Amino acid sequence: MVDTVNTVTEPVSRQERKQRTRQSLLDAAWELLAVRSFDALSLREVAKRAGIVPTAFYRHFSSMEELGVTLVEQSMRTLRGMIREARTRPTQPSEMIRASVHTLYEHVRAHEDHFRFLTRERYGGNEQVARAIAVELKLFSSELAIDLVRLENLREWNSDDLHMMADLIVTAMLATVLDLLEARTRDKDTDQAIKTVAEKRLRLIFLGVPHWRSS
């Protein structure tokens, strides 16, 4: 005789169902954005891809613009956290550079759709989406400026100069993102060459630190 075990499935709450549907809309948008710009998306096709009726879209987002801003926040939030972790472990600039470039590389290769969206929409298309990207990049730069104070040669720098250096670093990292996305060949040698150039860019920025007089 075989004993049977009755398994009880916990009911899914209304809030959980709502969250799942919201994420389905975001996932549907990511799939569609792989082949077109955000402005080319329609609410109806995003809802259809997510498996809901168009009117149900408004239970989760007030507009396509709000959906776009959420996509930006979703893309950048994880990156900021990963880069922050990479920066807080090392105490020397060379170690921080190496760790940050490696983390950026891993994240870009794992989420290329997110970064294509960010680089494509940064200067074109929907105004609210472009503004959200600018805000997220500024937050990214501000967090970096705070972290830079931990480095010995930067402790006496004023806030304006720290933010200026942080902006230079973010610009260099964005150049690396483009290099990775636009690479014609995808192999270890090509990726290693891109990472090497990325580290050189950042080292070049840090070389100027001892000679700069912050005032």
N, C-alpha and C. Protein backbone atom coordinates (compact mmCIF):
# COMPACT_ATOMS: atom_id res chain seq x y z
N MET A 1 0.84 -1.19 0.00
CA MET A 1 0.00 0.00 0.00
C MET A 1 0.89 1.25 0.00
N VAL A 2 0.57 2.18 -0.89
CA VAL A 2 1.38 3.39 -1.01
C VAL A 2 0.68 4.54 -0.31
N ASP A 3 1.41 5.15 0.60
CA ASP A 3 0.83 6.30 1.30
C ASP A 3 0.83 7.50 0.38
N THR A 4 -0.21 8.21 0.41
CA THR A 4 -0.29 9.45 -0.38
C THR A 4 -0.22 10.63 0.55
N VAL A 5 0.48 11.64 0.12
CA VAL A 5 0.63 12.85 0.93
C VAL A 5 -0.13 13.97 0.25
N ASN A 6 -1.03 14.52 0.95
CA ASN A 6 -1.80 15.63 0.39
C ASN A 6 -0.99 16.92 0.54
N THR A 7 -0.72 17.53 -0.58
CA THR A 7 0.01 18.80 -0.54
C THR A 7 -0.97 19.94 -0.67
N VAL A 8 -0.76 20.93 0.14
CA VAL A 8 -1.64 22.08 0.13
C VAL A 8 -0.91 23.25 -0.52
N THR A 9 -1.47 23.74 -1.57
CA THR A 9 -0.87 24.87 -2.26
C THR A 9 -1.39 26.16 -1.65
N GLU A 10 -0.45 26.98 -1.21
CA GLU A 10 -0.84 28.24 -0.61
C GLU A 10 -1.48 29.14 -1.68
N PRO A 11 -2.61 29.72 -1.38
CA PRO A 11 -3.25 30.60 -2.36
C PRO A 11 -2.39 31.84 -2.62
N VAL A 12 -2.41 32.27 -3.86
CA VAL A 12 -1.66 33.47 -4.23
C VAL A 12 -2.49 34.68 -3.86
N SER A 13 -1.89 35.59 -3.14
CA SER A 13 -2.63 36.78 -2.71
C SER A 13 -2.87 37.70 -3.89
N ARG A 14 -3.81 38.60 -3.69
CA ARG A 14 -4.12 39.58 -4.73
C ARG A 14 -2.91 40.44 -5.05
N GLN A 15 -2.18 40.81 -4.00
CA GLN A 15 -0.99 41.64 -4.20
C GLN A 15 0.07 40.91 -5.00
N GLU A 16 0.23 39.60 -4.74
CA GLU A 16 1.20 38.80 -5.48
C GLU A 16 0.81 38.69 -6.94
N ARG A 17 -0.48 38.48 -7.20
CA ARG A 17 -0.95 38.40 -8.59
C ARG A 17 -0.71 39.72 -9.31
N LYS A 18 -0.96 40.81 -8.62
CA LYS A 18 -0.75 42.12 -9.21
C LYS A 18 0.72 42.34 -9.55
N GLN A 19 1.60 41.93 -8.62
CA GLN A 19 3.03 42.10 -8.85
C GLN A 19 3.51 41.25 -10.02
N ARG A 20 2.96 40.03 -10.13
CA ARG A 20 3.35 39.15 -11.24
C ARG A 20 2.91 39.73 -12.58
N THR A 21 1.71 40.28 -12.62
CA THR A 21 1.21 40.87 -13.86
C THR A 21 2.03 42.11 -14.23
N ARG A 22 2.38 42.89 -13.22
CA ARG A 22 3.21 44.08 -13.47
C ARG A 22 4.56 43.67 -14.06
N GLN A 23 5.16 42.62 -13.49
CA GLN A 23 6.44 42.15 -14.00
C GLN A 23 6.29 41.56 -15.40
N SER A 24 5.15 40.94 -15.67
CA SER A 24 4.90 40.40 -17.01
C SER A 24 4.87 41.52 -18.04
N LEU A 25 4.31 42.66 -17.67
CA LEU A 25 4.30 43.81 -18.58
C LEU A 25 5.71 44.32 -18.83
N LEU A 26 6.51 44.37 -17.78
CA LEU A 26 7.90 44.80 -17.94
C LEU A 26 8.67 43.83 -18.81
N ASP A 27 8.48 42.53 -18.58
CA ASP A 27 9.17 41.51 -19.39
C ASP A 27 8.74 41.60 -20.85
N ALA A 28 7.45 41.83 -21.07
CA ALA A 28 6.94 41.95 -22.44
C ALA A 28 7.58 43.15 -23.14
N ALA A 29 7.70 44.26 -22.41
CA ALA A 29 8.33 45.45 -22.98
C ALA A 29 9.79 45.17 -23.34
N TRP A 30 10.51 44.47 -22.46
CA TRP A 30 11.91 44.14 -22.75
C TRP A 30 12.03 43.31 -24.02
N GLU A 31 11.14 42.35 -24.19
CA GLU A 31 11.17 41.51 -25.39
C GLU A 31 10.95 42.33 -26.65
N LEU A 32 10.00 43.24 -26.61
CA LEU A 32 9.70 44.07 -27.78
C LEU A 32 10.81 45.09 -28.04
N LEU A 33 11.43 45.58 -26.97
CA LEU A 33 12.49 46.58 -27.13
C LEU A 33 13.76 45.99 -27.75
N ALA A 34 13.84 44.69 -27.82
CA ALA A 34 15.01 44.05 -28.43
C ALA A 34 15.10 44.38 -29.93
N VAL A 35 13.98 44.75 -30.52
CA VAL A 35 13.98 44.97 -31.98
C VAL A 35 13.46 46.34 -32.37
N ARG A 36 13.13 47.19 -31.41
CA ARG A 36 12.61 48.51 -31.77
C ARG A 36 12.83 49.51 -30.62
N SER A 37 12.57 50.79 -30.93
CA SER A 37 12.73 51.83 -29.92
C SER A 37 11.49 51.90 -29.03
N PHE A 38 11.63 52.58 -27.90
CA PHE A 38 10.52 52.66 -26.97
C PHE A 38 9.33 53.40 -27.59
N ASP A 39 9.59 54.48 -28.32
CA ASP A 39 8.50 55.24 -28.92
C ASP A 39 7.72 54.43 -29.95
N ALA A 40 8.32 53.35 -30.45
CA ALA A 40 7.64 52.52 -31.44
C ALA A 40 6.72 51.49 -30.80
N LEU A 41 6.76 51.38 -29.47
CA LEU A 41 5.91 50.42 -28.77
C LEU A 41 4.52 51.01 -28.56
N SER A 42 3.52 50.17 -28.58
CA SER A 42 2.17 50.59 -28.25
C SER A 42 1.70 49.87 -27.00
N LEU A 43 0.82 50.53 -26.27
CA LEU A 43 0.27 49.92 -25.07
C LEU A 43 -0.42 48.61 -25.40
N ARG A 44 -1.12 48.58 -26.51
CA ARG A 44 -1.89 47.39 -26.88
C ARG A 44 -0.99 46.18 -27.11
N GLU A 45 0.14 46.37 -27.81
CA GLU A 45 0.98 45.21 -28.08
C GLU A 45 1.76 44.76 -26.84
N VAL A 46 2.09 45.68 -25.96
CA VAL A 46 2.74 45.29 -24.71
C VAL A 46 1.78 44.45 -23.87
N ALA A 47 0.53 44.91 -23.78
CA ALA A 47 -0.47 44.16 -23.02
C ALA A 47 -0.71 42.79 -23.64
N LYS A 48 -0.80 42.74 -24.96
CA LYS A 48 -1.03 41.46 -25.64
C LYS A 48 0.11 40.50 -25.38
N ARG A 49 1.36 40.99 -25.45
CA ARG A 49 2.52 40.13 -25.20
C ARG A 49 2.52 39.63 -23.75
N ALA A 50 2.02 40.45 -22.83
CA ALA A 50 1.96 40.06 -21.42
C ALA A 50 0.77 39.15 -21.11
N GLY A 51 -0.15 39.04 -22.05
CA GLY A 51 -1.30 38.15 -21.86
C GLY A 51 -2.45 38.77 -21.09
N ILE A 52 -2.57 40.10 -21.17
CA ILE A 52 -3.69 40.77 -20.49
C ILE A 52 -4.41 41.68 -21.49
N VAL A 53 -5.61 42.10 -21.13
CA VAL A 53 -6.35 43.01 -21.99
C VAL A 53 -5.78 44.42 -21.81
N PRO A 54 -5.84 45.25 -22.85
CA PRO A 54 -5.24 46.59 -22.76
C PRO A 54 -5.73 47.42 -21.59
N THR A 55 -7.01 47.31 -21.25
CA THR A 55 -7.52 48.14 -20.15
C THR A 55 -6.89 47.77 -18.81
N ALA A 56 -6.44 46.51 -18.68
CA ALA A 56 -5.81 46.07 -17.43
C ALA A 56 -4.43 46.69 -17.25
N PHE A 57 -3.85 47.20 -18.32
CA PHE A 57 -2.54 47.86 -18.23
C PHE A 57 -2.56 48.98 -17.20
N TYR A 58 -3.68 49.72 -17.17
CA TYR A 58 -3.76 50.90 -16.32
C TYR A 58 -3.89 50.58 -14.84
N ARG A 59 -4.04 49.32 -14.50
CA ARG A 59 -4.02 48.93 -13.10
C ARG A 59 -2.59 48.91 -12.56
N HIS A 60 -1.62 48.96 -13.47
CA HIS A 60 -0.22 48.82 -13.09
C HIS A 60 0.62 50.05 -13.46
N PHE A 61 0.28 50.70 -14.55
CA PHE A 61 1.00 51.90 -14.99
C PHE A 61 0.00 52.92 -15.51
N SER A 62 0.23 54.16 -15.17
CA SER A 62 -0.71 55.21 -15.60
C SER A 62 -0.56 55.54 -17.08
N SER A 63 0.60 55.21 -17.65
CA SER A 63 0.87 55.53 -19.05
C SER A 63 2.07 54.73 -19.53
N MET A 64 2.31 54.76 -20.83
CA MET A 64 3.51 54.12 -21.38
C MET A 64 4.76 54.81 -20.87
N GLU A 65 4.65 56.13 -20.63
CA GLU A 65 5.81 56.86 -20.10
C GLU A 65 6.21 56.34 -18.73
N GLU A 66 5.22 56.05 -17.88
CA GLU A 66 5.54 55.50 -16.55
C GLU A 66 6.18 54.13 -16.68
N LEU A 67 5.71 53.33 -17.63
CA LEU A 67 6.34 52.03 -17.89
C LEU A 67 7.80 52.22 -18.29
N GLY A 68 8.05 53.18 -19.19
CA GLY A 68 9.41 53.44 -19.64
C GLY A 68 10.32 53.88 -18.51
N VAL A 69 9.84 54.75 -17.64
CA VAL A 69 10.63 55.20 -16.49
C VAL A 69 10.94 54.04 -15.56
N THR A 70 9.98 53.15 -15.38
CA THR A 70 10.20 51.97 -14.54
C THR A 70 11.26 51.06 -15.14
N LEU A 71 11.27 50.93 -16.46
CA LEU A 71 12.30 50.13 -17.13
C LEU A 71 13.68 50.73 -16.88
N VAL A 72 13.77 52.05 -16.93
CA VAL A 72 15.05 52.73 -16.66
C VAL A 72 15.49 52.45 -15.23
N GLU A 73 14.59 52.62 -14.28
CA GLU A 73 14.94 52.40 -12.87
C GLU A 73 15.34 50.96 -12.62
N GLN A 74 14.64 50.03 -13.25
CA GLN A 74 14.96 48.62 -13.09
C GLN A 74 16.35 48.31 -13.63
N SER A 75 16.70 48.91 -14.75
CA SER A 75 18.00 48.67 -15.37
C SER A 75 19.14 49.22 -14.51
N MET A 76 18.97 50.42 -14.01
CA MET A 76 20.06 51.10 -13.32
C MET A 76 20.20 50.69 -11.87
N ARG A 77 19.11 50.29 -11.23
CA ARG A 77 19.17 49.98 -9.80
C ARG A 77 20.14 48.84 -9.50
N THR A 78 20.03 47.78 -10.30
CA THR A 78 20.90 46.63 -10.08
C THR A 78 22.35 46.99 -10.36
N LEU A 79 22.59 47.74 -11.42
CA LEU A 79 23.96 48.12 -11.76
C LEU A 79 24.57 48.97 -10.65
N ARG A 80 23.82 49.94 -10.12
CA ARG A 80 24.36 50.79 -9.06
C ARG A 80 24.73 49.96 -7.85
N GLY A 81 23.89 48.98 -7.51
CA GLY A 81 24.19 48.14 -6.37
C GLY A 81 25.42 47.29 -6.58
N MET A 82 25.57 46.73 -7.78
CA MET A 82 26.71 45.87 -8.06
C MET A 82 28.01 46.67 -8.09
N ILE A 83 27.97 47.83 -8.72
CA ILE A 83 29.17 48.68 -8.79
C ILE A 83 29.53 49.18 -7.39
N ARG A 84 28.52 49.50 -6.58
CA ARG A 84 28.78 49.97 -5.22
C ARG A 84 29.50 48.88 -4.42
N GLU A 85 29.06 47.65 -4.59
CA GLU A 85 29.69 46.54 -3.88
C GLU A 85 31.13 46.37 -4.35
N ALA A 86 31.36 46.50 -5.66
CA ALA A 86 32.71 46.35 -6.20
C ALA A 86 33.63 47.45 -5.68
N ARG A 87 33.09 48.65 -5.44
CA ARG A 87 33.91 49.76 -4.99
C ARG A 87 34.24 49.69 -3.52
N THR A 88 33.35 49.11 -2.72
CA THR A 88 33.54 49.16 -1.28
C THR A 88 34.51 48.11 -0.77
N ARG A 89 34.75 47.06 -1.56
CA ARG A 89 35.68 46.02 -1.10
C ARG A 89 37.13 46.48 -1.15
N PRO A 90 37.65 46.93 -2.32
CA PRO A 90 39.06 47.31 -2.37
C PRO A 90 39.30 48.66 -1.69
N THR A 91 40.55 48.90 -1.32
CA THR A 91 40.92 50.17 -0.71
C THR A 91 41.90 50.96 -1.58
N GLN A 92 42.48 50.30 -2.58
CA GLN A 92 43.42 50.98 -3.49
C GLN A 92 42.72 51.27 -4.82
N PRO A 93 43.05 52.42 -5.45
CA PRO A 93 42.42 52.76 -6.74
C PRO A 93 42.55 51.66 -7.79
N SER A 94 43.74 51.05 -7.88
CA SER A 94 43.94 50.01 -8.90
C SER A 94 43.01 48.84 -8.70
N GLU A 95 42.80 48.46 -7.43
CA GLU A 95 41.89 47.35 -7.13
C GLU A 95 40.44 47.76 -7.40
N MET A 96 40.09 48.99 -7.05
CA MET A 96 38.75 49.48 -7.29
C MET A 96 38.44 49.52 -8.78
N ILE A 97 39.42 49.97 -9.57
CA ILE A 97 39.25 50.03 -11.02
C ILE A 97 39.01 48.64 -11.59
N ARG A 98 39.86 47.71 -11.21
CA ARG A 98 39.75 46.35 -11.73
C ARG A 98 38.40 45.72 -11.36
N ALA A 99 38.01 45.87 -10.11
CA ALA A 99 36.75 45.28 -9.64
C ALA A 99 35.55 45.92 -10.33
N SER A 100 35.58 47.24 -10.50
CA SER A 100 34.46 47.94 -11.12
C SER A 100 34.31 47.57 -12.59
N VAL A 101 35.43 47.50 -13.31
CA VAL A 101 35.38 47.13 -14.73
C VAL A 101 34.87 45.70 -14.89
N HIS A 102 35.35 44.80 -14.04
CA HIS A 102 34.89 43.41 -14.13
C HIS A 102 33.39 43.31 -13.86
N THR A 103 32.93 44.02 -12.84
CA THR A 103 31.50 44.00 -12.51
C THR A 103 30.67 44.59 -13.64
N LEU A 104 31.12 45.70 -14.20
CA LEU A 104 30.41 46.32 -15.32
C LEU A 104 30.35 45.36 -16.50
N TYR A 105 31.46 44.74 -16.82
CA TYR A 105 31.51 43.80 -17.94
C TYR A 105 30.52 42.66 -17.75
N GLU A 106 30.53 42.05 -16.58
CA GLU A 106 29.64 40.92 -16.31
C GLU A 106 28.18 41.34 -16.42
N HIS A 107 27.87 42.52 -15.92
CA HIS A 107 26.48 42.97 -15.93
C HIS A 107 26.01 43.33 -17.34
N VAL A 108 26.87 43.96 -18.12
CA VAL A 108 26.49 44.31 -19.49
C VAL A 108 26.25 43.06 -20.32
N ARG A 109 27.15 42.10 -20.23
CA ARG A 109 27.00 40.87 -21.01
C ARG A 109 25.76 40.08 -20.57
N ALA A 110 25.39 40.17 -19.30
CA ALA A 110 24.23 39.43 -18.81
C ALA A 110 22.91 40.14 -19.12
N HIS A 111 22.97 41.47 -19.32
CA HIS A 111 21.74 42.25 -19.53
C HIS A 111 21.92 43.21 -20.71
N GLU A 112 22.32 42.70 -21.84
CA GLU A 112 22.57 43.57 -22.98
C GLU A 112 21.32 44.31 -23.43
N ASP A 113 20.15 43.68 -23.28
CA ASP A 113 18.91 44.35 -23.68
C ASP A 113 18.69 45.61 -22.86
N HIS A 114 19.02 45.57 -21.57
CA HIS A 114 18.86 46.74 -20.72
C HIS A 114 19.78 47.88 -21.18
N PHE A 115 21.00 47.55 -21.48
CA PHE A 115 21.97 48.58 -21.83
C PHE A 115 21.75 49.13 -23.24
N ARG A 116 21.26 48.31 -24.15
CA ARG A 116 20.91 48.83 -25.47
C ARG A 116 19.77 49.83 -25.35
N PHE A 117 18.82 49.52 -24.49
CA PHE A 117 17.71 50.43 -24.23
C PHE A 117 18.22 51.75 -23.66
N LEU A 118 19.09 51.69 -22.66
CA LEU A 118 19.59 52.91 -22.02
C LEU A 118 20.39 53.77 -22.99
N THR A 119 21.29 53.15 -23.75
CA THR A 119 22.13 53.94 -24.66
C THR A 119 21.32 54.48 -25.84
N ARG A 120 20.32 53.72 -26.27
CA ARG A 120 19.49 54.15 -27.41
C ARG A 120 18.55 55.29 -27.02
N GLU A 121 17.97 55.20 -25.82
CA GLU A 121 16.96 56.17 -25.41
C GLU A 121 17.53 57.38 -24.68
N ARG A 122 18.82 57.36 -24.41
CA ARG A 122 19.42 58.44 -23.61
C ARG A 122 19.28 59.80 -24.28
N TYR A 123 19.43 59.87 -25.59
CA TYR A 123 19.40 61.16 -26.28
C TYR A 123 18.28 61.26 -27.31
N GLY A 124 17.39 60.30 -27.34
CA GLY A 124 16.35 60.38 -28.35
C GLY A 124 15.07 59.76 -27.87
N GLY A 125 14.04 59.87 -28.71
CA GLY A 125 12.79 59.22 -28.39
C GLY A 125 11.98 59.96 -27.35
N ASN A 126 11.52 59.23 -26.35
CA ASN A 126 10.61 59.76 -25.35
C ASN A 126 11.32 60.67 -24.36
N GLU A 127 10.77 61.87 -24.18
CA GLU A 127 11.42 62.87 -23.31
C GLU A 127 11.46 62.43 -21.86
N GLN A 128 10.39 61.84 -21.35
CA GLN A 128 10.36 61.42 -19.95
C GLN A 128 11.34 60.29 -19.67
N VAL A 129 11.47 59.38 -20.63
CA VAL A 129 12.42 58.28 -20.49
C VAL A 129 13.85 58.81 -20.50
N ALA A 130 14.14 59.71 -21.42
CA ALA A 130 15.48 60.30 -21.50
C ALA A 130 15.81 61.05 -20.21
N ARG A 131 14.82 61.75 -19.66
CA ARG A 131 15.03 62.49 -18.41
C ARG A 131 15.30 61.53 -17.25
N ALA A 132 14.59 60.41 -17.23
CA ALA A 132 14.79 59.42 -16.18
C ALA A 132 16.19 58.82 -16.24
N ILE A 133 16.68 58.59 -17.45
CA ILE A 133 18.03 58.06 -17.61
C ILE A 133 19.04 59.08 -17.08
N ALA A 134 18.84 60.35 -17.41
CA ALA A 134 19.76 61.40 -16.93
C ALA A 134 19.76 61.46 -15.41
N VAL A 135 18.60 61.33 -14.80
CA VAL A 135 18.50 61.36 -13.33
C VAL A 135 19.24 60.17 -12.72
N GLU A 136 19.05 58.99 -13.29
CA GLU A 136 19.71 57.79 -12.76
C GLU A 136 21.23 57.88 -12.90
N LEU A 137 21.70 58.41 -14.01
CA LEU A 137 23.15 58.56 -14.19
C LEU A 137 23.71 59.58 -13.21
N LYS A 138 22.94 60.61 -12.91
CA LYS A 138 23.38 61.61 -11.93
C LYS A 138 23.44 60.99 -10.53
N LEU A 139 22.47 60.15 -10.20
CA LEU A 139 22.51 59.45 -8.92
C LEU A 139 23.72 58.53 -8.83
N PHE A 140 23.98 57.84 -9.93
CA PHE A 140 25.14 56.96 -10.02
C PHE A 140 26.42 57.74 -9.76
N SER A 141 26.54 58.89 -10.42
CA SER A 141 27.72 59.74 -10.26
C SER A 141 27.83 60.29 -8.85
N SER A 142 26.70 60.68 -8.24
CA SER A 142 26.72 61.24 -6.89
C SER A 142 27.16 60.20 -5.87
N GLU A 143 26.69 58.96 -6.03
CA GLU A 143 27.11 57.89 -5.12
C GLU A 143 28.60 57.62 -5.26
N LEU A 144 29.09 57.67 -6.48
CA LEU A 144 30.52 57.47 -6.71
C LEU A 144 31.34 58.58 -6.06
N ALA A 145 30.87 59.82 -6.18
CA ALA A 145 31.58 60.95 -5.58
C ALA A 145 31.72 60.77 -4.07
N ILE A 146 30.69 60.25 -3.43
CA ILE A 146 30.73 59.99 -1.98
C ILE A 146 31.77 58.92 -1.67
N ASP A 147 31.81 57.88 -2.49
CA ASP A 147 32.76 56.79 -2.26
C ASP A 147 34.21 57.23 -2.49
N LEU A 148 34.41 58.17 -3.40
CA LEU A 148 35.77 58.60 -3.72
C LEU A 148 36.47 59.24 -2.53
N VAL A 149 35.70 59.80 -1.61
CA VAL A 149 36.30 60.45 -0.43
C VAL A 149 37.10 59.45 0.39
N ARG A 150 36.80 58.16 0.26
CA ARG A 150 37.52 57.15 1.05
C ARG A 150 38.97 57.02 0.61
N LEU A 151 39.28 57.42 -0.62
CA LEU A 151 40.64 57.28 -1.14
C LEU A 151 41.53 58.38 -0.58
N GLU A 152 42.70 57.98 -0.16
CA GLU A 152 43.59 58.88 0.59
C GLU A 152 43.86 60.19 -0.13
N ASN A 153 44.18 60.14 -1.42
CA ASN A 153 44.54 61.36 -2.15
C ASN A 153 43.36 62.27 -2.45
N LEU A 154 42.15 61.80 -2.14
CA LEU A 154 40.96 62.59 -2.47
C LEU A 154 40.25 63.14 -1.24
N ARG A 155 40.78 62.85 -0.06
CA ARG A 155 40.08 63.25 1.17
C ARG A 155 40.00 64.75 1.35
N GLU A 156 40.91 65.49 0.74
CA GLU A 156 40.91 66.94 0.90
C GLU A 156 40.22 67.65 -0.26
N TRP A 157 39.70 66.89 -1.20
CA TRP A 157 39.04 67.51 -2.36
C TRP A 157 37.69 68.07 -1.93
N ASN A 158 37.29 69.17 -2.58
CA ASN A 158 35.96 69.72 -2.29
C ASN A 158 34.89 68.96 -3.08
N SER A 159 33.66 69.22 -2.74
CA SER A 159 32.54 68.47 -3.33
C SER A 159 32.44 68.65 -4.84
N ASP A 160 32.64 69.87 -5.33
CA ASP A 160 32.53 70.11 -6.77
C ASP A 160 33.55 69.29 -7.55
N ASP A 161 34.78 69.24 -7.05
CA ASP A 161 35.82 68.51 -7.75
C ASP A 161 35.59 66.99 -7.69
N LEU A 162 35.09 66.52 -6.56
CA LEU A 162 34.77 65.10 -6.44
C LEU A 162 33.68 64.71 -7.43
N HIS A 163 32.66 65.55 -7.57
CA HIS A 163 31.59 65.27 -8.52
C HIS A 163 32.09 65.35 -9.96
N MET A 164 33.02 66.27 -10.21
CA MET A 164 33.60 66.38 -11.55
C MET A 164 34.36 65.10 -11.91
N MET A 165 35.13 64.59 -10.97
CA MET A 165 35.86 63.36 -11.23
C MET A 165 34.91 62.17 -11.39
N ALA A 166 33.87 62.13 -10.57
CA ALA A 166 32.89 61.06 -10.68
C ALA A 166 32.22 61.08 -12.05
N ASP A 167 31.92 62.28 -12.56
CA ASP A 167 31.31 62.40 -13.89
C ASP A 167 32.26 61.86 -14.97
N LEU A 168 33.56 62.14 -14.82
CA LEU A 168 34.54 61.63 -15.78
C LEU A 168 34.57 60.10 -15.77
N ILE A 169 34.50 59.52 -14.58
CA ILE A 169 34.52 58.06 -14.45
C ILE A 169 33.28 57.45 -15.08
N VAL A 170 32.11 58.04 -14.82
CA VAL A 170 30.86 57.53 -15.40
C VAL A 170 30.90 57.62 -16.91
N THR A 171 31.42 58.72 -17.44
CA THR A 171 31.53 58.88 -18.90
C THR A 171 32.44 57.80 -19.49
N ALA A 172 33.54 57.51 -18.80
CA ALA A 172 34.46 56.46 -19.27
C ALA A 172 33.78 55.10 -19.24
N MET A 173 32.99 54.84 -18.22
CA MET A 173 32.31 53.55 -18.11
C MET A 173 31.22 53.41 -19.17
N LEU A 174 30.55 54.51 -19.50
CA LEU A 174 29.55 54.47 -20.57
C LEU A 174 30.22 54.17 -21.92
N ALA A 175 31.43 54.68 -22.11
CA ALA A 175 32.17 54.37 -23.33
C ALA A 175 32.47 52.88 -23.40
N THR A 176 32.77 52.27 -22.27
CA THR A 176 33.01 50.82 -22.22
C THR A 176 31.74 50.05 -22.56
N VAL A 177 30.61 50.52 -22.06
CA VAL A 177 29.33 49.88 -22.39
C VAL A 177 29.11 49.87 -23.90
N LEU A 178 29.35 51.00 -24.54
CA LEU A 178 29.18 51.07 -26.00
C LEU A 178 30.16 50.15 -26.71
N ASP A 179 31.40 50.11 -26.23
CA ASP A 179 32.39 49.21 -26.84
C ASP A 179 31.92 47.76 -26.79
N LEU A 180 31.36 47.36 -25.67
CA LEU A 180 30.89 45.98 -25.51
C LEU A 180 29.69 45.69 -26.40
N LEU A 181 28.75 46.64 -26.47
CA LEU A 181 27.55 46.43 -27.26
C LEU A 181 27.82 46.45 -28.76
N GLU A 182 28.81 47.24 -29.17
CA GLU A 182 29.09 47.41 -30.59
C GLU A 182 30.20 46.50 -31.11
N ALA A 183 30.74 45.65 -30.25
CA ALA A 183 31.81 44.74 -30.68
C ALA A 183 31.32 43.84 -31.79
N ARG A 184 32.05 43.79 -32.89
CA ARG A 184 31.62 42.99 -34.05
C ARG A 184 31.85 41.51 -33.83
N THR A 185 32.85 41.20 -33.05
CA THR A 185 33.11 39.80 -32.72
C THR A 185 32.90 39.60 -31.23
N ARG A 186 32.39 38.43 -30.87
CA ARG A 186 32.13 38.11 -29.47
C ARG A 186 32.99 36.92 -29.06
N ASP A 187 34.17 37.21 -28.57
CA ASP A 187 35.05 36.16 -28.08
C ASP A 187 35.83 36.69 -26.89
N LYS A 188 36.53 35.80 -26.22
CA LYS A 188 37.26 36.18 -25.00
C LYS A 188 38.34 37.22 -25.28
N ASP A 189 39.03 37.09 -26.42
CA ASP A 189 40.10 38.03 -26.73
C ASP A 189 39.56 39.44 -26.93
N THR A 190 38.46 39.54 -27.67
CA THR A 190 37.85 40.85 -27.91
C THR A 190 37.37 41.48 -26.61
N ASP A 191 36.68 40.68 -25.79
CA ASP A 191 36.18 41.21 -24.52
C ASP A 191 37.33 41.61 -23.60
N GLN A 192 38.40 40.82 -23.59
CA GLN A 192 39.53 41.16 -22.73
C GLN A 192 40.19 42.45 -23.19
N ALA A 193 40.26 42.65 -24.51
CA ALA A 193 40.83 43.88 -25.04
C ALA A 193 39.99 45.09 -24.62
N ILE A 194 38.67 44.94 -24.65
CA ILE A 194 37.78 46.02 -24.24
C ILE A 194 37.96 46.32 -22.75
N LYS A 195 38.07 45.29 -21.93
CA LYS A 195 38.27 45.49 -20.50
C LYS A 195 39.62 46.15 -20.21
N THR A 196 40.63 45.78 -20.97
CA THR A 196 41.95 46.39 -20.79
C THR A 196 41.91 47.88 -21.08
N VAL A 197 41.25 48.26 -22.19
CA VAL A 197 41.11 49.67 -22.54
C VAL A 197 40.30 50.40 -21.46
N ALA A 198 39.27 49.74 -20.95
CA ALA A 198 38.44 50.35 -19.90
C ALA A 198 39.26 50.66 -18.66
N GLU A 199 40.10 49.72 -18.26
CA GLU A 199 40.95 49.95 -17.09
C GLU A 199 41.95 51.07 -17.35
N LYS A 200 42.49 51.13 -18.57
CA LYS A 200 43.45 52.20 -18.92
C LYS A 200 42.78 53.57 -18.85
N ARG A 201 41.54 53.66 -19.34
CA ARG A 201 40.82 54.94 -19.28
C ARG A 201 40.71 55.43 -17.84
N LEU A 202 40.32 54.51 -16.97
CA LEU A 202 40.14 54.90 -15.57
C LEU A 202 41.47 55.21 -14.88
N ARG A 203 42.51 54.44 -15.21
CA ARG A 203 43.83 54.73 -14.63
C ARG A 203 44.32 56.11 -15.07
N LEU A 204 44.03 56.45 -16.33
CA LEU A 204 44.45 57.76 -16.84
C LEU A 204 43.78 58.88 -16.06
N ILE A 205 42.51 58.70 -15.72
CA ILE A 205 41.81 59.70 -14.90
C ILE A 205 42.46 59.82 -13.53
N PHE A 206 42.77 58.66 -12.92
CA PHE A 206 43.35 58.68 -11.57
C PHE A 206 44.78 59.19 -11.55
N LEU A 207 45.49 59.12 -12.67
CA LEU A 207 46.86 59.63 -12.72
C LEU A 207 46.92 61.12 -12.44
N GLY A 208 45.86 61.82 -12.77
CA GLY A 208 45.85 63.27 -12.55
C GLY A 208 45.58 63.67 -11.12
N VAL A 209 45.17 62.72 -10.28
CA VAL A 209 44.76 63.04 -8.91
C VAL A 209 45.87 63.72 -8.10
N PRO A 210 47.10 63.18 -8.07
CA PRO A 210 48.14 63.81 -7.23
C PRO A 210 48.51 65.22 -7.68
N HIS A 211 48.24 65.55 -8.93
CA HIS A 211 48.65 66.85 -9.47
C HIS A 211 47.55 67.89 -9.43
N TRP A 212 46.35 67.48 -9.00
CA TRP A 212 45.23 68.41 -8.98
C TRP A 212 45.13 69.09 -7.62
N ARG A 213 44.99 70.40 -7.67
CA ARG A 213 44.84 71.16 -6.44
C ARG A 213 43.39 71.59 -6.31
N SER A 214 42.66 70.89 -5.45
CA SER A 214 41.24 71.20 -5.29
C SER A 214 41.08 72.48 -4.50
N SER A 215 40.19 73.35 -4.99
CA SER A 215 39.98 74.62 -4.30
C SER A 215 38.53 75.07 -4.46
